[in-house]
Structure formats: C-alpha cells, structure tokens
Amino acid sequence: MILRIFRVTVVPDRVEEFRRFFLEKAVPLMRSTDGVEQVLFGLPRPESPNDFAVVMVWRDLAALEAFVGGDWRVPHIDPDELGVVETRALDHYELVA
C-alpha cells in the first residue's frame, strides 16, 4: 500500500473559497475513488490558517496511477484550485502494517 500526503497553502484571502471546494468537492471525490483504502482530511488550525492536508492510503500503485495518470509523483490539480493555492507539497511512502 502507498501512503500519499498532500498539503496545500491557500492564498490568504481565498481560504473560505478553498474550504468550500475542499469540503464539497475534494472530500466526496476522494471518499468515492476506487483504490483509496483510507483517507483523512485536515482543515486549518489557528496557527496555520491557510494550510490544508489530505492523507490517503492507496491499495497499490496501479490504483493511484488510474486516478492521477502516469506521473503519480506530481500533485493532481483540480481546475478549481488554480489561482487559489499558493503552494503544494506531495510525499509518498510505502505503508508498513
């Protein structure tokens, strides 16, 4: 299994817009995606008011590639994120049971 950690920092004056996108579009999409064994969503905390995170456990690399395409090492960016997200960070790990 693959652990995929995706973090974004949102443009300060667009946090509420991204929060709506995150909760209304990203959360339902990831929860319904084949191959996602587990998914956790992190909303901003007061000390980091522009930072969001998603932690996903993927069944295998084939499932991840089916979702994001061949270059699974780069973030999958929804068109609704353009101009809203300042930075993206993505990390992958082999999950140890």
N, C-alpha and C. Protein backbone atom coordinates (compact mmCIF):
# COMPACT_ATOMS: atom_id res chain seq x y z
N MET A 1 0.85 -1.18 0.00
CA MET A 1 0.00 0.00 0.00
C MET A 1 0.89 1.24 0.00
N ILE A 2 0.32 2.30 -0.51
CA ILE A 2 1.05 3.56 -0.63
C ILE A 2 0.39 4.63 0.22
N LEU A 3 1.18 5.28 1.04
CA LEU A 3 0.73 6.42 1.83
C LEU A 3 1.06 7.68 1.04
N ARG A 4 0.06 8.49 0.74
CA ARG A 4 0.23 9.72 -0.04
C ARG A 4 -0.23 10.89 0.82
N ILE A 5 0.67 11.84 1.07
CA ILE A 5 0.35 13.00 1.90
C ILE A 5 0.42 14.24 1.01
N PHE A 6 -0.69 14.93 0.92
CA PHE A 6 -0.82 16.10 0.05
C PHE A 6 -1.16 17.30 0.92
N ARG A 7 -0.33 18.35 0.82
CA ARG A 7 -0.55 19.56 1.61
C ARG A 7 -0.60 20.76 0.68
N VAL A 8 -1.48 21.69 1.00
CA VAL A 8 -1.56 22.93 0.22
C VAL A 8 -1.60 24.12 1.17
N THR A 9 -1.03 25.22 0.69
CA THR A 9 -1.17 26.51 1.36
C THR A 9 -1.98 27.38 0.41
N VAL A 10 -3.05 27.94 0.93
CA VAL A 10 -4.01 28.68 0.14
C VAL A 10 -3.73 30.18 0.22
N VAL A 11 -3.99 30.88 -0.86
CA VAL A 11 -3.88 32.34 -0.89
C VAL A 11 -4.74 32.88 0.27
N PRO A 12 -4.18 33.76 1.12
CA PRO A 12 -4.88 34.19 2.33
C PRO A 12 -6.32 34.67 2.14
N ASP A 13 -6.60 35.44 1.14
CA ASP A 13 -7.97 35.96 1.01
C ASP A 13 -8.90 35.01 0.27
N ARG A 14 -8.45 33.76 0.03
CA ARG A 14 -9.28 32.78 -0.67
C ARG A 14 -9.48 31.50 0.13
N VAL A 15 -9.19 31.56 1.43
CA VAL A 15 -9.29 30.38 2.29
C VAL A 15 -10.72 29.85 2.34
N GLU A 16 -11.70 30.71 2.51
CA GLU A 16 -13.09 30.24 2.59
C GLU A 16 -13.54 29.61 1.27
N GLU A 17 -13.11 30.18 0.17
CA GLU A 17 -13.43 29.61 -1.15
C GLU A 17 -12.84 28.20 -1.27
N PHE A 18 -11.58 28.05 -0.84
CA PHE A 18 -10.95 26.74 -0.91
C PHE A 18 -11.59 25.78 0.07
N ARG A 19 -11.96 26.25 1.24
CA ARG A 19 -12.62 25.39 2.23
C ARG A 19 -13.89 24.79 1.64
N ARG A 20 -14.69 25.60 0.93
CA ARG A 20 -15.91 25.09 0.28
C ARG A 20 -15.55 24.04 -0.77
N PHE A 21 -14.57 24.34 -1.61
CA PHE A 21 -14.12 23.38 -2.63
C PHE A 21 -13.68 22.08 -1.96
N PHE A 22 -12.87 22.21 -0.92
CA PHE A 22 -12.31 21.06 -0.21
C PHE A 22 -13.43 20.18 0.35
N LEU A 23 -14.37 20.79 1.06
CA LEU A 23 -15.42 20.02 1.72
C LEU A 23 -16.51 19.53 0.75
N GLU A 24 -16.83 20.32 -0.25
CA GLU A 24 -17.93 19.98 -1.15
C GLU A 24 -17.50 19.16 -2.36
N LYS A 25 -16.25 19.26 -2.77
CA LYS A 25 -15.80 18.55 -3.97
C LYS A 25 -14.70 17.53 -3.68
N ALA A 26 -13.61 17.98 -3.05
CA ALA A 26 -12.46 17.09 -2.83
C ALA A 26 -12.78 15.93 -1.89
N VAL A 27 -13.43 16.22 -0.77
CA VAL A 27 -13.75 15.16 0.20
C VAL A 27 -14.64 14.09 -0.43
N PRO A 28 -15.78 14.46 -1.05
CA PRO A 28 -16.60 13.42 -1.67
C PRO A 28 -15.87 12.65 -2.78
N LEU A 29 -15.07 13.36 -3.58
CA LEU A 29 -14.34 12.69 -4.66
C LEU A 29 -13.39 11.63 -4.11
N MET A 30 -12.59 11.99 -3.14
CA MET A 30 -11.62 11.05 -2.60
C MET A 30 -12.29 9.89 -1.87
N ARG A 31 -13.38 10.17 -1.19
CA ARG A 31 -14.08 9.08 -0.48
C ARG A 31 -14.71 8.08 -1.43
N SER A 32 -14.98 8.50 -2.66
CA SER A 32 -15.62 7.61 -3.62
C SER A 32 -14.66 7.04 -4.66
N THR A 33 -13.38 7.32 -4.55
CA THR A 33 -12.40 6.88 -5.54
C THR A 33 -11.98 5.44 -5.29
N ASP A 34 -12.09 4.63 -6.33
CA ASP A 34 -11.66 3.24 -6.24
C ASP A 34 -10.16 3.19 -5.98
N GLY A 35 -9.77 2.35 -5.06
CA GLY A 35 -8.35 2.20 -4.75
C GLY A 35 -7.91 2.95 -3.51
N VAL A 36 -8.72 3.88 -3.03
CA VAL A 36 -8.41 4.60 -1.80
C VAL A 36 -8.93 3.75 -0.64
N GLU A 37 -8.01 3.23 0.14
CA GLU A 37 -8.37 2.38 1.27
C GLU A 37 -8.78 3.19 2.49
N GLN A 38 -8.12 4.33 2.66
CA GLN A 38 -8.42 5.22 3.79
C GLN A 38 -8.02 6.63 3.39
N VAL A 39 -8.78 7.60 3.89
CA VAL A 39 -8.46 8.99 3.59
C VAL A 39 -8.81 9.84 4.82
N LEU A 40 -7.91 10.75 5.15
CA LEU A 40 -8.10 11.68 6.27
C LEU A 40 -7.92 13.09 5.73
N PHE A 41 -8.77 14.00 6.17
CA PHE A 41 -8.75 15.38 5.70
C PHE A 41 -8.42 16.31 6.85
N GLY A 42 -7.47 17.19 6.62
CA GLY A 42 -7.06 18.14 7.66
C GLY A 42 -7.41 19.56 7.28
N LEU A 43 -8.23 20.20 8.11
CA LEU A 43 -8.57 21.61 7.93
C LEU A 43 -7.58 22.48 8.70
N PRO A 44 -7.47 23.75 8.35
CA PRO A 44 -6.50 24.63 9.01
C PRO A 44 -6.73 24.75 10.51
N ARG A 45 -5.64 24.97 11.21
CA ARG A 45 -5.67 25.28 12.64
C ARG A 45 -5.28 26.74 12.78
N PRO A 46 -5.59 27.36 13.92
CA PRO A 46 -5.30 28.79 14.09
C PRO A 46 -3.85 29.19 13.82
N GLU A 47 -2.91 28.32 14.17
CA GLU A 47 -1.50 28.67 13.95
C GLU A 47 -1.07 28.56 12.49
N SER A 48 -1.88 27.91 11.65
CA SER A 48 -1.60 27.77 10.21
C SER A 48 -2.91 27.92 9.44
N PRO A 49 -3.49 29.11 9.43
CA PRO A 49 -4.85 29.30 8.92
C PRO A 49 -5.04 29.10 7.42
N ASN A 50 -3.95 28.92 6.67
CA ASN A 50 -4.06 28.76 5.22
C ASN A 50 -3.68 27.35 4.75
N ASP A 51 -3.40 26.43 5.68
CA ASP A 51 -2.89 25.12 5.33
C ASP A 51 -3.93 24.02 5.46
N PHE A 52 -4.06 23.23 4.39
CA PHE A 52 -4.96 22.08 4.35
C PHE A 52 -4.12 20.84 4.04
N ALA A 53 -4.63 19.66 4.42
CA ALA A 53 -3.89 18.43 4.14
C ALA A 53 -4.85 17.28 3.87
N VAL A 54 -4.37 16.35 3.06
CA VAL A 54 -5.09 15.10 2.81
C VAL A 54 -4.07 13.97 2.95
N VAL A 55 -4.41 12.97 3.74
CA VAL A 55 -3.58 11.78 3.88
C VAL A 55 -4.39 10.62 3.32
N MET A 56 -3.82 9.97 2.30
CA MET A 56 -4.52 8.88 1.62
C MET A 56 -3.71 7.60 1.72
N VAL A 57 -4.40 6.49 1.87
CA VAL A 57 -3.78 5.18 1.76
C VAL A 57 -4.36 4.54 0.51
N TRP A 58 -3.49 4.30 -0.47
CA TRP A 58 -3.88 3.70 -1.74
C TRP A 58 -3.58 2.22 -1.71
N ARG A 59 -4.47 1.44 -2.30
CA ARG A 59 -4.34 -0.01 -2.35
C ARG A 59 -3.00 -0.41 -2.99
N ASP A 60 -2.67 0.24 -4.12
CA ASP A 60 -1.43 -0.07 -4.83
C ASP A 60 -1.14 1.04 -5.84
N LEU A 61 0.00 0.95 -6.47
CA LEU A 61 0.41 1.96 -7.44
C LEU A 61 -0.52 2.00 -8.64
N ALA A 62 -1.03 0.86 -9.06
CA ALA A 62 -1.95 0.83 -10.20
C ALA A 62 -3.20 1.65 -9.93
N ALA A 63 -3.75 1.57 -8.73
CA ALA A 63 -4.94 2.35 -8.37
C ALA A 63 -4.62 3.84 -8.35
N LEU A 64 -3.47 4.19 -7.81
CA LEU A 64 -3.06 5.59 -7.77
C LEU A 64 -2.87 6.13 -9.18
N GLU A 65 -2.19 5.37 -10.04
CA GLU A 65 -1.99 5.79 -11.42
C GLU A 65 -3.31 5.91 -12.18
N ALA A 66 -4.26 5.05 -11.89
CA ALA A 66 -5.57 5.14 -12.55
C ALA A 66 -6.27 6.45 -12.22
N PHE A 67 -6.00 6.98 -11.04
CA PHE A 67 -6.62 8.23 -10.62
C PHE A 67 -5.87 9.45 -11.14
N VAL A 68 -4.54 9.48 -11.00
CA VAL A 68 -3.78 10.68 -11.32
C VAL A 68 -3.05 10.61 -12.66
N GLY A 69 -2.99 9.45 -13.28
CA GLY A 69 -2.25 9.31 -14.52
C GLY A 69 -0.86 8.75 -14.25
N GLY A 70 -0.07 8.69 -15.30
CA GLY A 70 1.24 8.05 -15.21
C GLY A 70 2.22 8.72 -14.29
N ASP A 71 2.16 10.04 -14.17
CA ASP A 71 3.13 10.72 -13.31
C ASP A 71 2.51 10.96 -11.93
N TRP A 72 2.50 9.90 -11.14
CA TRP A 72 1.87 9.94 -9.82
C TRP A 72 2.69 10.71 -8.79
N ARG A 73 3.90 11.14 -9.15
CA ARG A 73 4.76 11.86 -8.22
C ARG A 73 4.44 13.35 -8.14
N VAL A 74 3.58 13.83 -9.03
CA VAL A 74 3.20 15.24 -9.01
C VAL A 74 1.75 15.37 -8.54
N PRO A 75 1.39 16.49 -7.94
CA PRO A 75 0.02 16.67 -7.43
C PRO A 75 -1.02 16.64 -8.55
N HIS A 76 -2.13 16.00 -8.26
CA HIS A 76 -3.30 16.03 -9.13
C HIS A 76 -4.01 17.36 -8.81
N ILE A 77 -4.10 18.25 -9.78
CA ILE A 77 -4.64 19.59 -9.54
C ILE A 77 -5.98 19.75 -10.24
N ASP A 78 -7.00 20.01 -9.45
CA ASP A 78 -8.33 20.27 -9.98
C ASP A 78 -8.35 21.69 -10.53
N PRO A 79 -9.04 21.94 -11.65
CA PRO A 79 -9.11 23.30 -12.19
C PRO A 79 -9.63 24.34 -11.19
N ASP A 80 -10.47 23.91 -10.24
CA ASP A 80 -10.99 24.84 -9.23
C ASP A 80 -9.90 25.34 -8.28
N GLU A 81 -8.75 24.68 -8.26
CA GLU A 81 -7.65 25.08 -7.38
C GLU A 81 -6.77 26.17 -7.99
N LEU A 82 -6.84 26.35 -9.29
CA LEU A 82 -5.97 27.31 -9.97
C LEU A 82 -6.21 28.72 -9.46
N GLY A 83 -5.16 29.41 -9.09
CA GLY A 83 -5.27 30.76 -8.58
C GLY A 83 -5.67 30.86 -7.12
N VAL A 84 -5.97 29.72 -6.51
CA VAL A 84 -6.41 29.69 -5.11
C VAL A 84 -5.30 29.14 -4.22
N VAL A 85 -4.53 28.20 -4.75
CA VAL A 85 -3.48 27.54 -3.98
C VAL A 85 -2.14 28.19 -4.27
N GLU A 86 -1.43 28.59 -3.20
CA GLU A 86 -0.09 29.19 -3.33
C GLU A 86 0.98 28.13 -3.54
N THR A 87 0.97 27.11 -2.67
CA THR A 87 1.98 26.06 -2.75
C THR A 87 1.34 24.69 -2.54
N ARG A 88 2.00 23.68 -3.10
CA ARG A 88 1.57 22.30 -2.94
C ARG A 88 2.79 21.47 -2.54
N ALA A 89 2.57 20.51 -1.68
CA ALA A 89 3.63 19.56 -1.31
C ALA A 89 3.04 18.17 -1.34
N LEU A 90 3.81 17.24 -1.84
CA LEU A 90 3.32 15.88 -2.01
C LEU A 90 4.42 14.90 -1.63
N ASP A 91 4.09 13.93 -0.79
CA ASP A 91 5.05 12.91 -0.39
C ASP A 91 4.40 11.54 -0.48
N HIS A 92 5.21 10.53 -0.77
CA HIS A 92 4.75 9.15 -0.87
C HIS A 92 5.63 8.24 -0.01
N TYR A 93 4.99 7.23 0.58
CA TYR A 93 5.71 6.29 1.42
C TYR A 93 5.10 4.91 1.22
N GLU A 94 5.91 3.87 1.41
CA GLU A 94 5.38 2.51 1.48
C GLU A 94 4.80 2.35 2.87
N LEU A 95 3.58 1.92 2.93
CA LEU A 95 2.90 1.78 4.21
C LEU A 95 3.33 0.47 4.90
N VAL A 96 3.67 0.58 6.16
CA VAL A 96 4.03 -0.56 6.96
C VAL A 96 2.83 -0.89 7.84
N ALA A 97 2.38 -2.12 7.77
CA ALA A 97 1.21 -2.52 8.56
C ALA A 97 1.58 -2.84 9.97
